[in-house]
Amino acid sequence: MSENQAAYRLEYALSGRSKCKGRKPCNGTEIPKGHLRFGSLVTIPDDKTFFAWRHWGCVTAKVISNVKQIYDAPSDIAGFEALREEDKTRVINAWAVDQVAHEDVPDTAR
């Protein structure tokens, strides 16, 4: 990873083709276009990188803990500033309690 490349990213799904890399049973389900998603940068052989996406509601307490080791505040996560205010609030609240809200967990993950 280059020094200017973010390890994590928040954004709205650009299409309905990305698949959730969260836990089963949600793993592999589509993230609908326009839905908030969370990406973790993955590096594969030959230094190729890509984001592994998951529904916002599939972010675990462990993932939040890992993010907190890198960033001081949720506003430091790439893409945060481009989020709608209500989604910024969802992220800030999850940061404060170390877990996403139960109502944010998609039905595919229950």
PDB file of N, CA and C in Angstrom:
ATOM      1  N   MET A   1       0.846  -1.174   0.000  1.00  0.00           N
ATOM      2  CA  MET A   1       0.000   0.000   0.000  1.00  0.00           C
ATOM      3  C   MET A   1       0.889   1.234   0.000  1.00  0.00           C
ATOM      4  N   SER A   2       0.590   2.165  -0.892  1.00  0.00           N
ATOM      5  CA  SER A   2       1.357   3.400  -0.905  1.00  0.00           C
ATOM      6  C   SER A   2       0.939   4.259   0.277  1.00  0.00           C
ATOM      7  N   GLU A   3       1.797   5.184   0.639  1.00  0.00           N
ATOM      8  CA  GLU A   3       1.528   5.987   1.825  1.00  0.00           C
ATOM      9  C   GLU A   3       0.291   6.846   1.686  1.00  0.00           C
ATOM     10  N   ASN A   4      -0.090   7.216   0.458  1.00  0.00           N
ATOM     11  CA  ASN A   4      -1.250   8.073   0.283  1.00  0.00           C
ATOM     12  C   ASN A   4      -2.527   7.285  -0.005  1.00  0.00           C
ATOM     13  N   GLN A   5      -2.469   5.983   0.060  1.00  0.00           N
ATOM     14  CA  GLN A   5      -3.639   5.158  -0.196  1.00  0.00           C
ATOM     15  C   GLN A   5      -4.284   4.767   1.130  1.00  0.00           C
ATOM     16  N   ALA A   6      -5.578   4.995   1.227  1.00  0.00           N
ATOM     17  CA  ALA A   6      -6.306   4.726   2.465  1.00  0.00           C
ATOM     18  C   ALA A   6      -6.485   3.230   2.678  1.00  0.00           C
ATOM     19  N   ALA A   7      -6.390   2.808   3.934  1.00  0.00           N
ATOM     20  CA  ALA A   7      -6.580   1.398   4.271  1.00  0.00           C
ATOM     21  C   ALA A   7      -8.058   1.033   4.323  1.00  0.00           C
ATOM     22  N   TYR A   8      -8.897   2.024   4.592  1.00  0.00           N
ATOM     23  CA  TYR A   8     -10.343   1.807   4.699  1.00  0.00           C
ATOM     24  C   TYR A   8     -11.062   2.928   3.972  1.00  0.00           C
ATOM     25  N   ARG A   9     -12.293   2.634   3.541  1.00  0.00           N
ATOM     26  CA  ARG A   9     -13.061   3.629   2.785  1.00  0.00           C
ATOM     27  C   ARG A   9     -14.548   3.444   3.032  1.00  0.00           C
ATOM     28  N   LEU A  10     -15.252   4.558   3.086  1.00  0.00           N
ATOM     29  CA  LEU A  10     -16.712   4.581   3.155  1.00  0.00           C
ATOM     30  C   LEU A  10     -17.232   5.218   1.874  1.00  0.00           C
ATOM     31  N   GLU A  11     -18.264   4.618   1.286  1.00  0.00           N
ATOM     32  CA  GLU A  11     -18.870   5.216   0.101  1.00  0.00           C
ATOM     33  C   GLU A  11     -20.194   4.528  -0.180  1.00  0.00           C
ATOM     34  N   TYR A  12     -20.916   5.086  -1.133  1.00  0.00           N
ATOM     35  CA  TYR A  12     -22.158   4.469  -1.584  1.00  0.00           C
ATOM     36  C   TYR A  12     -21.831   3.566  -2.768  1.00  0.00           C
ATOM     37  N   ALA A  13     -22.428   2.389  -2.780  1.00  0.00           N
ATOM     38  CA  ALA A  13     -22.160   1.429  -3.854  1.00  0.00           C
ATOM     39  C   ALA A  13     -22.464   2.081  -5.204  1.00  0.00           C
ATOM     40  N   LEU A  14     -21.518   1.976  -6.109  1.00  0.00           N
ATOM     41  CA  LEU A  14     -21.639   2.610  -7.415  1.00  0.00           C
ATOM     42  C   LEU A  14     -22.522   1.821  -8.371  1.00  0.00           C
ATOM     43  N   SER A  15     -22.665   0.541  -8.102  1.00  0.00           N
ATOM     44  CA  SER A  15     -23.518  -0.336  -8.909  1.00  0.00           C
ATOM     45  C   SER A  15     -24.068  -1.393  -7.958  1.00  0.00           C
ATOM     46  N   GLY A  16     -24.830  -2.292  -8.444  1.00  0.00           N
ATOM     47  CA  GLY A  16     -25.328  -3.378  -7.604  1.00  0.00           C
ATOM     48  C   GLY A  16     -24.502  -4.639  -7.756  1.00  0.00           C
ATOM     49  N   ARG A  17     -23.273  -4.503  -8.259  1.00  0.00           N
ATOM     50  CA  ARG A  17     -22.464  -5.688  -8.558  1.00  0.00           C
ATOM     51  C   ARG A  17     -21.496  -6.083  -7.452  1.00  0.00           C
ATOM     52  N   SER A  18     -21.187  -5.170  -6.532  1.00  0.00           N
ATOM     53  CA  SER A  18     -20.216  -5.534  -5.492  1.00  0.00           C
ATOM     54  C   SER A  18     -20.831  -6.537  -4.525  1.00  0.00           C
ATOM     55  N   LYS A  19     -20.000  -7.426  -4.034  1.00  0.00           N
ATOM     56  CA  LYS A  19     -20.440  -8.486  -3.118  1.00  0.00           C
ATOM     57  C   LYS A  19     -19.899  -8.215  -1.725  1.00  0.00           C
ATOM     58  N   CYS A  20     -20.716  -8.527  -0.733  1.00  0.00           N
ATOM     59  CA  CYS A  20     -20.327  -8.336   0.658  1.00  0.00           C
ATOM     60  C   CYS A  20     -19.283  -9.377   1.054  1.00  0.00           C
ATOM     61  N   LYS A  21     -18.232  -8.911   1.706  1.00  0.00           N
ATOM     62  CA  LYS A  21     -17.190  -9.805   2.221  1.00  0.00           C
ATOM     63  C   LYS A  21     -17.311  -9.961   3.733  1.00  0.00           C
ATOM     64  N   GLY A  22     -18.495  -9.663   4.261  1.00  0.00           N
ATOM     65  CA  GLY A  22     -18.745  -9.823   5.690  1.00  0.00           C
ATOM     66  C   GLY A  22     -18.913 -11.285   6.051  1.00  0.00           C
ATOM     67  N   ARG A  23     -19.334 -11.501   7.280  1.00  0.00           N
ATOM     68  CA  ARG A  23     -19.520 -12.865   7.779  1.00  0.00           C
ATOM     69  C   ARG A  23     -20.693 -13.556   7.098  1.00  0.00           C
ATOM     70  N   LYS A  24     -20.671 -14.874   7.174  1.00  0.00           N
ATOM     71  CA  LYS A  24     -21.816 -15.652   6.719  1.00  0.00           C
ATOM     72  C   LYS A  24     -22.958 -15.370   7.677  1.00  0.00           C
ATOM     73  N   PRO A  25     -24.168 -15.366   7.249  1.00  0.00           N
ATOM     74  CA  PRO A  25     -24.677 -15.781   5.942  1.00  0.00           C
ATOM     75  C   PRO A  25     -24.657 -14.684   4.884  1.00  0.00           C
ATOM     76  N   CYS A  26     -24.223 -13.481   5.230  1.00  0.00           N
ATOM     77  CA  CYS A  26     -24.278 -12.358   4.291  1.00  0.00           C
ATOM     78  C   CYS A  26     -23.171 -12.416   3.242  1.00  0.00           C
ATOM     79  N   ASN A  27     -22.059 -13.034   3.553  1.00  0.00           N
ATOM     80  CA  ASN A  27     -20.920 -13.092   2.651  1.00  0.00           C
ATOM     81  C   ASN A  27     -21.359 -13.533   1.261  1.00  0.00           C
ATOM     82  N   GLY A  28     -21.019 -12.726   0.268  1.00  0.00           N
ATOM     83  CA  GLY A  28     -21.340 -13.062  -1.114  1.00  0.00           C
ATOM     84  C   GLY A  28     -22.625 -12.448  -1.624  1.00  0.00           C
ATOM     85  N   THR A  29     -23.409 -11.827  -0.751  1.00  0.00           N
ATOM     86  CA  THR A  29     -24.640 -11.190  -1.213  1.00  0.00           C
ATOM     87  C   THR A  29     -24.308  -9.828  -1.816  1.00  0.00           C
ATOM     88  N   GLU A  30     -25.168  -9.368  -2.702  1.00  0.00           N
ATOM     89  CA  GLU A  30     -24.928  -8.099  -3.376  1.00  0.00           C
ATOM     90  C   GLU A  30     -25.158  -6.914  -2.446  1.00  0.00           C
ATOM     91  N   ILE A  31     -24.398  -5.870  -2.684  1.00  0.00           N
ATOM     92  CA  ILE A  31     -24.604  -4.594  -2.005  1.00  0.00           C
ATOM     93  C   ILE A  31     -25.327  -3.707  -3.019  1.00  0.00           C
ATOM     94  N   PRO A  32     -26.591  -3.381  -2.765  1.00  0.00           N
ATOM     95  CA  PRO A  32     -27.371  -2.626  -3.751  1.00  0.00           C
ATOM     96  C   PRO A  32     -26.780  -1.251  -4.063  1.00  0.00           C
ATOM     97  N   LYS A  33     -26.966  -0.827  -5.296  1.00  0.00           N
ATOM     98  CA  LYS A  33     -26.499   0.485  -5.735  1.00  0.00           C
ATOM     99  C   LYS A  33     -27.039   1.556  -4.791  1.00  0.00           C
ATOM    100  N   GLY A  34     -26.165   2.464  -4.390  1.00  0.00           N
ATOM    101  CA  GLY A  34     -26.558   3.571  -3.538  1.00  0.00           C
ATOM    102  C   GLY A  34     -26.517   3.293  -2.053  1.00  0.00           C
ATOM    103  N   HIS A  35     -26.312   2.032  -1.657  1.00  0.00           N
ATOM    104  CA  HIS A  35     -26.249   1.685  -0.233  1.00  0.00           C
ATOM    105  C   HIS A  35     -24.858   1.972   0.322  1.00  0.00           C
ATOM    106  N   LEU A  36     -24.820   2.375   1.583  1.00  0.00           N
ATOM    107  CA  LEU A  36     -23.551   2.650   2.246  1.00  0.00           C
ATOM    108  C   LEU A  36     -22.751   1.358   2.375  1.00  0.00           C
ATOM    109  N   ARG A  37     -21.491   1.426   1.977  1.00  0.00           N
ATOM    110  CA  ARG A  37     -20.619   0.264   2.096  1.00  0.00           C
ATOM    111  C   ARG A  37     -19.285   0.689   2.695  1.00  0.00           C
ATOM    112  N   PHE A  38     -18.584  -0.299   3.241  1.00  0.00           N
ATOM    113  CA  PHE A  38     -17.303  -0.088   3.911  1.00  0.00           C
ATOM    114  C   PHE A  38     -16.272  -0.964   3.225  1.00  0.00           C
ATOM    115  N   GLY A  39     -15.146  -0.377   2.852  1.00  0.00           N
ATOM    116  CA  GLY A  39     -14.107  -1.123   2.158  1.00  0.00           C
ATOM    117  C   GLY A  39     -12.832  -1.238   2.962  1.00  0.00           C
ATOM    118  N   SER A  40     -12.228  -2.415   2.893  1.00  0.00           N
ATOM    119  CA  SER A  40     -10.913  -2.674   3.488  1.00  0.00           C
ATOM    120  C   SER A  40      -9.955  -2.950   2.338  1.00  0.00           C
ATOM    121  N   LEU A  41      -8.848  -2.235   2.312  1.00  0.00           N
ATOM    122  CA  LEU A  41      -7.879  -2.407   1.239  1.00  0.00           C
ATOM    123  C   LEU A  41      -7.173  -3.745   1.392  1.00  0.00           C
ATOM    124  N   VAL A  42      -7.128  -4.499   0.308  1.00  0.00           N
ATOM    125  CA  VAL A  42      -6.504  -5.817   0.283  1.00  0.00           C
ATOM    126  C   VAL A  42      -5.378  -5.779  -0.746  1.00  0.00           C
ATOM    127  N   THR A  43      -4.240  -6.348  -0.392  1.00  0.00           N
ATOM    128  CA  THR A  43      -3.116  -6.447  -1.318  1.00  0.00           C
ATOM    129  C   THR A  43      -2.894  -7.913  -1.655  1.00  0.00           C
ATOM    130  N   ILE A  44      -2.781  -8.190  -2.948  1.00  0.00           N
ATOM    131  CA  ILE A  44      -2.537  -9.554  -3.410  1.00  0.00           C
ATOM    132  C   ILE A  44      -1.158  -9.593  -4.062  1.00  0.00           C
ATOM    133  N   PRO A  45      -0.674 -10.786  -4.429  1.00  0.00           N
ATOM    134  CA  PRO A  45       0.650 -10.873  -5.057  1.00  0.00           C
ATOM    135  C   PRO A  45       0.816  -9.867  -6.198  1.00  0.00           C
ATOM    136  N   ASP A  46       2.038  -9.474  -6.432  1.00  0.00           N
ATOM    137  CA  ASP A  46       2.407  -8.459  -7.426  1.00  0.00           C
ATOM    138  C   ASP A  46       1.962  -7.063  -6.997  1.00  0.00           C
ATOM    139  N   ASP A  47       1.714  -6.892  -5.693  1.00  0.00           N
ATOM    140  CA  ASP A  47       1.331  -5.590  -5.128  1.00  0.00           C
ATOM    141  C   ASP A  47       0.079  -4.992  -5.757  1.00  0.00           C
ATOM    142  N   LYS A  48      -0.821  -5.832  -6.219  1.00  0.00           N
ATOM    143  CA  LYS A  48      -2.103  -5.346  -6.724  1.00  0.00           C
ATOM    144  C   LYS A  48      -3.028  -5.150  -5.533  1.00  0.00           C
ATOM    145  N   THR A  49      -3.781  -4.067  -5.553  1.00  0.00           N
ATOM    146  CA  THR A  49      -4.673  -3.770  -4.437  1.00  0.00           C
ATOM    147  C   THR A  49      -6.103  -3.575  -4.922  1.00  0.00           C
ATOM    148  N   PHE A  50      -7.032  -3.857  -4.034  1.00  0.00           N
ATOM    149  CA  PHE A  50      -8.449  -3.612  -4.298  1.00  0.00           C
ATOM    150  C   PHE A  50      -9.148  -3.500  -2.956  1.00  0.00           C
ATOM    151  N   PHE A  51     -10.350  -2.965  -2.977  1.00  0.00           N
ATOM    152  CA  PHE A  51     -11.136  -2.896  -1.757  1.00  0.00           C
ATOM    153  C   PHE A  51     -12.064  -4.096  -1.676  1.00  0.00           C
ATOM    154  N   ALA A  52     -12.082  -4.735  -0.512  1.00  0.00           N
ATOM    155  CA  ALA A  52     -13.058  -5.783  -0.205  1.00  0.00           C
ATOM    156  C   ALA A  52     -14.200  -5.058   0.503  1.00  0.00           C
ATOM    157  N   TRP A  53     -15.369  -5.094  -0.095  1.00  0.00           N
ATOM    158  CA  TRP A  53     -16.508  -4.325   0.406  1.00  0.00           C
ATOM    159  C   TRP A  53     -17.410  -5.160   1.290  1.00  0.00           C
ATOM    160  N   ARG A  54     -18.066  -4.501   2.209  1.00  0.00           N
ATOM    161  CA  ARG A  54     -19.118  -5.123   3.008  1.00  0.00           C
ATOM    162  C   ARG A  54     -20.197  -4.078   3.236  1.00  0.00           C
ATOM    163  N   HIS A  55     -21.432  -4.568   3.418  1.00  0.00           N
ATOM    164  CA  HIS A  55     -22.502  -3.652   3.804  1.00  0.00           C
ATOM    165  C   HIS A  55     -22.055  -2.901   5.058  1.00  0.00           C
ATOM    166  N   TRP A  56     -22.493  -1.669   5.227  1.00  0.00           N
ATOM    167  CA  TRP A  56     -22.164  -0.957   6.459  1.00  0.00           C
ATOM    168  C   TRP A  56     -22.595  -1.787   7.664  1.00  0.00           C
ATOM    169  N   GLY A  57     -23.750  -2.402   7.604  1.00  0.00           N
ATOM    170  CA  GLY A  57     -24.263  -3.192   8.718  1.00  0.00           C
ATOM    171  C   GLY A  57     -23.503  -4.478   8.977  1.00  0.00           C
ATOM    172  N   CYS A  58     -22.595  -4.855   8.099  1.00  0.00           N
ATOM    173  CA  CYS A  58     -21.786  -6.066   8.284  1.00  0.00           C
ATOM    174  C   CYS A  58     -20.409  -5.756   8.878  1.00  0.00           C
ATOM    175  N   VAL A  59     -20.187  -4.498   9.234  1.00  0.00           N
ATOM    176  CA  VAL A  59     -18.937  -4.122   9.900  1.00  0.00           C
ATOM    177  C   VAL A  59     -19.007  -4.632  11.340  1.00  0.00           C
ATOM    178  N   THR A  60     -18.008  -5.388  11.746  1.00  0.00           N
ATOM    179  CA  THR A  60     -17.996  -5.991  13.082  1.00  0.00           C
ATOM    180  C   THR A  60     -17.252  -5.106  14.082  1.00  0.00           C
ATOM    181  N   ALA A  61     -17.400  -5.446  15.354  1.00  0.00           N
ATOM    182  CA  ALA A  61     -16.671  -4.739  16.411  1.00  0.00           C
ATOM    183  C   ALA A  61     -15.165  -4.860  16.188  1.00  0.00           C
ATOM    184  N   LYS A  62     -14.702  -6.002  15.707  1.00  0.00           N
ATOM    185  CA  LYS A  62     -13.276  -6.207  15.432  1.00  0.00           C
ATOM    186  C   LYS A  62     -12.797  -5.267  14.327  1.00  0.00           C
ATOM    187  N   VAL A  63     -13.610  -5.110  13.291  1.00  0.00           N
ATOM    188  CA  VAL A  63     -13.244  -4.197  12.207  1.00  0.00           C
ATOM    189  C   VAL A  63     -13.150  -2.770  12.746  1.00  0.00           C
ATOM    190  N   ILE A  64     -14.132  -2.357  13.537  1.00  0.00           N
ATOM    191  CA  ILE A  64     -14.091  -1.010  14.116  1.00  0.00           C
ATOM    192  C   ILE A  64     -12.835  -0.846  14.971  1.00  0.00           C
ATOM    193  N   SER A  65     -12.492  -1.856  15.740  1.00  0.00           N
ATOM    194  CA  SER A  65     -11.278  -1.814  16.558  1.00  0.00           C
ATOM    195  C   SER A  65     -10.034  -1.632  15.687  1.00  0.00           C
ATOM    196  N   ASN A  66      -9.970  -2.357  14.578  1.00  0.00           N
ATOM    197  CA  ASN A  66      -8.832  -2.234  13.659  1.00  0.00           C
ATOM    198  C   ASN A  66      -8.750  -0.834  13.055  1.00  0.00           C
ATOM    199  N   VAL A  67      -9.900  -0.284  12.689  1.00  0.00           N
ATOM    200  CA  VAL A  67      -9.936   1.057  12.109  1.00  0.00           C
ATOM    201  C   VAL A  67      -9.454   2.079  13.134  1.00  0.00           C
ATOM    202  N   LYS A  68      -9.861   1.909  14.383  1.00  0.00           N
ATOM    203  CA  LYS A  68      -9.465   2.839  15.449  1.00  0.00           C
ATOM    204  C   LYS A  68      -7.960   2.811  15.717  1.00  0.00           C
ATOM    205  N   GLN A  69      -7.300   1.725  15.352  1.00  0.00           N
ATOM    206  CA  GLN A  69      -5.848   1.656  15.518  1.00  0.00           C
ATOM    207  C   GLN A  69      -5.123   2.531  14.492  1.00  0.00           C
ATOM    208  N   ILE A  70      -5.810   2.865  13.405  1.00  0.00           N
ATOM    209  CA  ILE A  70      -5.210   3.660  12.335  1.00  0.00           C
ATOM    210  C   ILE A  70      -5.673   5.112  12.368  1.00  0.00           C
ATOM    211  N   TYR A  71      -6.959   5.308  12.642  1.00  0.00           N
ATOM    212  CA  TYR A  71      -7.547   6.648  12.581  1.00  0.00           C
ATOM    213  C   TYR A  71      -7.957   7.136  13.967  1.00  0.00           C
ATOM    214  N   ASP A  72      -7.841   8.441  14.176  1.00  0.00           N
ATOM    215  CA  ASP A  72      -8.220   9.047  15.454  1.00  0.00           C
ATOM    216  C   ASP A  72      -9.713   9.320  15.561  1.00  0.00           C
ATOM    217  N   ALA A  73     -10.370   9.481  14.431  1.00  0.00           N
ATOM    218  CA  ALA A  73     -11.795   9.805  14.426  1.00  0.00           C
ATOM    219  C   ALA A  73     -12.427   9.241  13.163  1.00  0.00           C
ATOM    220  N   PRO A  74     -13.730   8.994  13.182  1.00  0.00           N
ATOM    221  CA  PRO A  74     -14.374   8.468  11.977  1.00  0.00           C
ATOM    222  C   PRO A  74     -14.260   9.425  10.793  1.00  0.00           C
ATOM    223  N   SER A  75     -14.160  10.705  11.073  1.00  0.00           N
ATOM    224  CA  SER A  75     -14.028  11.685   9.992  1.00  0.00           C
ATOM    225  C   SER A  75     -12.708  11.548   9.235  1.00  0.00           C
ATOM    226  N   ASP A  76     -11.763  10.798   9.777  1.00  0.00           N
ATOM    227  CA  ASP A  76     -10.480  10.560   9.108  1.00  0.00           C
ATOM    228  C   ASP A  76     -10.561   9.446   8.063  1.00  0.00           C
ATOM    229  N   ILE A  77     -11.622   8.659   8.082  1.00  0.00           N
ATOM    230  CA  ILE A  77     -11.775   7.557   7.129  1.00  0.00           C
ATOM    231  C   ILE A  77     -12.061   8.141   5.750  1.00  0.00           C
ATOM    232  N   ALA A  78     -11.371   7.661   4.743  1.00  0.00           N
ATOM    233  CA  ALA A  78     -11.576   8.133   3.373  1.00  0.00           C
ATOM    234  C   ALA A  78     -13.049   7.998   2.995  1.00  0.00           C
ATOM    235  N   GLY A  79     -13.591   9.032   2.393  1.00  0.00           N
ATOM    236  CA  GLY A  79     -14.971   9.020   1.942  1.00  0.00           C
ATOM    237  C   GLY A  79     -15.980   9.546   2.950  1.00  0.00           C
ATOM    238  N   PHE A  80     -15.570   9.685   4.201  1.00  0.00           N
ATOM    239  CA  PHE A  80     -16.511  10.112   5.249  1.00  0.00           C
ATOM    240  C   PHE A  80     -17.168  11.444   4.914  1.00  0.00           C
ATOM    241  N   GLU A  81     -16.379  12.403   4.474  1.00  0.00           N
ATOM    242  CA  GLU A  81     -16.903  13.753   4.227  1.00  0.00           C
ATOM    243  C   GLU A  81     -17.948  13.783   3.116  1.00  0.00           C
ATOM    244  N   ALA A  82     -17.935  12.815   2.217  1.00  0.00           N
ATOM    245  CA  ALA A  82     -18.894  12.777   1.111  1.00  0.00           C
ATOM    246  C   ALA A  82     -20.218  12.113   1.492  1.00  0.00           C
ATOM    247  N   LEU A  83     -20.311  11.587   2.707  1.00  0.00           N
ATOM    248  CA  LEU A  83     -21.534  10.902   3.133  1.00  0.00           C
ATOM    249  C   LEU A  83     -22.637  11.899   3.469  1.00  0.00           C
ATOM    250  N   ARG A  84     -23.884  11.435   3.339  1.00  0.00           N
ATOM    251  CA  ARG A  84     -25.026  12.226   3.795  1.00  0.00           C
ATOM    252  C   ARG A  84     -24.939  12.362   5.309  1.00  0.00           C
ATOM    253  N   GLU A  85     -25.519  13.409   5.842  1.00  0.00           N
ATOM    254  CA  GLU A  85     -25.436  13.676   7.278  1.00  0.00           C
ATOM    255  C   GLU A  85     -25.940  12.508   8.115  1.00  0.00           C
ATOM    256  N   GLU A  86     -27.051  11.890   7.713  1.00  0.00           N
ATOM    257  CA  GLU A  86     -27.586  10.773   8.502  1.00  0.00           C
ATOM    258  C   GLU A  86     -26.631   9.581   8.518  1.00  0.00           C
ATOM    259  N   ASP A  87     -25.883   9.396   7.430  1.00  0.00           N
ATOM    260  CA  ASP A  87     -24.915   8.298   7.400  1.00  0.00           C
ATOM    261  C   ASP A  87     -23.658   8.642   8.192  1.00  0.00           C
ATOM    262  N   LYS A  88     -23.272   9.901   8.187  1.00  0.00           N
ATOM    263  CA  LYS A  88     -22.169  10.320   9.059  1.00  0.00           C
ATOM    264  C   LYS A  88     -22.527  10.028  10.513  1.00  0.00           C
ATOM    265  N   THR A  89     -23.765  10.323  10.881  1.00  0.00           N
ATOM    266  CA  THR A  89     -24.220  10.072  12.251  1.00  0.00           C
ATOM    267  C   THR A  89     -24.179   8.582  12.568  1.00  0.00           C
ATOM    268  N   ARG A  90     -24.593   7.738  11.637  1.00  0.00           N
ATOM    269  CA  ARG A  90     -24.536   6.281  11.846  1.00  0.00           C
ATOM    270  C   ARG A  90     -23.103   5.828  12.117  1.00  0.00           C
ATOM    271  N   VAL A  91     -22.163   6.345  11.338  1.00  0.00           N
ATOM    272  CA  VAL A  91     -20.756   5.968  11.494  1.00  0.00           C
ATOM    273  C   VAL A  91     -20.208   6.486  12.827  1.00  0.00           C
ATOM    274  N   ILE A  92     -20.505   7.720  13.154  1.00  0.00           N
ATOM    275  CA  ILE A  92     -20.039   8.305  14.420  1.00  0.00           C
ATOM    276  C   ILE A  92     -20.594   7.522  15.609  1.00  0.00           C
ATOM    277  N   ASN A  93     -21.873   7.166  15.552  1.00  0.00           N
ATOM    278  CA  ASN A  93     -22.480   6.405  16.648  1.00  0.00           C
ATOM    279  C   ASN A  93     -21.843   5.026  16.790  1.00  0.00           C
ATOM    280  N   ALA A  94     -21.575   4.364  15.675  1.00  0.00           N
ATOM    281  CA  ALA A  94     -20.929   3.048  15.724  1.00  0.00           C
ATOM    282  C   ALA A  94     -19.523   3.169  16.312  1.00  0.00           C
ATOM    283  N   TRP A  95     -18.826   4.212  15.949  1.00  0.00           N
ATOM    284  CA  TRP A  95     -17.480   4.466  16.470  1.00  0.00           C
ATOM    285  C   TRP A  95     -17.527   4.609  17.990  1.00  0.00           C
ATOM    286  N   ALA A  96     -18.534   5.320  18.479  1.00  0.00           N
ATOM    287  CA  ALA A  96     -18.639   5.610  19.914  1.00  0.00           C
ATOM    288  C   ALA A  96     -18.899   4.361  20.750  1.00  0.00           C
ATOM    289  N   VAL A  97     -19.660   3.408  20.198  1.00  0.00           N
ATOM    290  CA  VAL A  97     -20.035   2.212  20.976  1.00  0.00           C
ATOM    291  C   VAL A  97     -19.357   0.940  20.469  1.00  0.00           C
ATOM    292  N   ASP A  98     -18.474   1.085  19.484  1.00  0.00           N
ATOM    293  CA  ASP A  98     -17.710  -0.045  18.933  1.00  0.00           C
ATOM    294  C   ASP A  98     -18.557  -1.113  18.259  1.00  0.00           C
ATOM    295  N   GLN A  99     -19.699  -0.714  17.732  1.00  0.00           N
ATOM    296  CA  GLN A  99     -20.508  -1.648  16.933  1.00  0.00           C
ATOM    297  C   GLN A  99     -21.549  -0.871  16.146  1.00  0.00           C
ATOM    298  N   VAL A 100     -21.942  -1.432  15.009  1.00  0.00           N
ATOM    299  CA  VAL A 100     -22.998  -0.793  14.227  1.00  0.00           C
ATOM    300  C   VAL A 100     -24.333  -1.039  14.919  1.00  0.00           C
ATOM    301  N   ALA A 101     -25.281  -0.167  14.649  1.00  0.00           N
ATOM    302  CA  ALA A 101     -26.611  -0.303  15.239  1.00  0.00           C
ATOM    303  C   ALA A 101     -27.302  -1.544  14.686  1.00  0.00           C
ATOM    304  N   HIS A 102     -28.076  -2.192  15.534  1.00  0.00           N
ATOM    305  CA  HIS A 102     -28.789  -3.409  15.134  1.00  0.00           C
ATOM    306  C   HIS A 102     -29.648  -3.167  13.891  1.00  0.00           C
ATOM    307  N   GLU A 103     -30.272  -2.003  13.812  1.00  0.00           N
ATOM    308  CA  GLU A 103     -31.141  -1.722  12.662  1.00  0.00           C
ATOM    309  C   GLU A 103     -30.358  -1.539  11.364  1.00  0.00           C
ATOM    310  N   ASP A 104     -29.044  -1.355  11.440  1.00  0.00           N
ATOM    311  CA  ASP A 104     -28.213  -1.234  10.240  1.00  0.00           C
ATOM    312  C   ASP A 104     -27.806  -2.592   9.664  1.00  0.00           C
ATOM    313  N   VAL A 105     -27.949  -3.642  10.439  1.00  0.00           N
ATOM    314  CA  VAL A 105     -27.564  -4.982   9.980  1.00  0.00           C
ATOM    315  C   VAL A 105     -28.577  -5.440   8.929  1.00  0.00           C
ATOM    316  N   PRO A 106     -28.120  -5.781   7.716  1.00  0.00           N
ATOM    317  CA  PRO A 106     -29.062  -6.198   6.671  1.00  0.00           C
ATOM    318  C   PRO A 106     -29.705  -7.547   7.000  1.00  0.00           C
ATOM    319  N   ASP A 107     -30.889  -7.751   6.465  1.00  0.00           N
ATOM    320  CA  ASP A 107     -31.593  -9.022   6.683  1.00  0.00           C
ATOM    321  C   ASP A 107     -30.748 -10.210   6.248  1.00  0.00           C
ATOM    322  N   THR A 108     -29.915 -10.017   5.230  1.00  0.00           N
ATOM    323  CA  THR A 108     -29.077 -11.110   4.733  1.00  0.00           C
ATOM    324  C   THR A 108     -28.018 -11.537   5.737  1.00  0.00           C
ATOM    325  N   ALA A 109     -27.790 -10.721   6.778  1.00  0.00           N
ATOM    326  CA  ALA A 109     -26.770 -11.045   7.785  1.00  0.00           C
ATOM    327  C   ALA A 109     -27.375 -11.572   9.078  1.00  0.00           C
ATOM    328  N   ARG A 110     -28.670 -11.719   9.126  1.00  0.00           N
ATOM    329  CA  ARG A 110     -29.335 -12.151  10.370  1.00  0.00           C
ATOM    330  C   ARG A 110     -29.642 -13.625  10.350  1.00  0.00           C
TER     331      ARG A 110
END
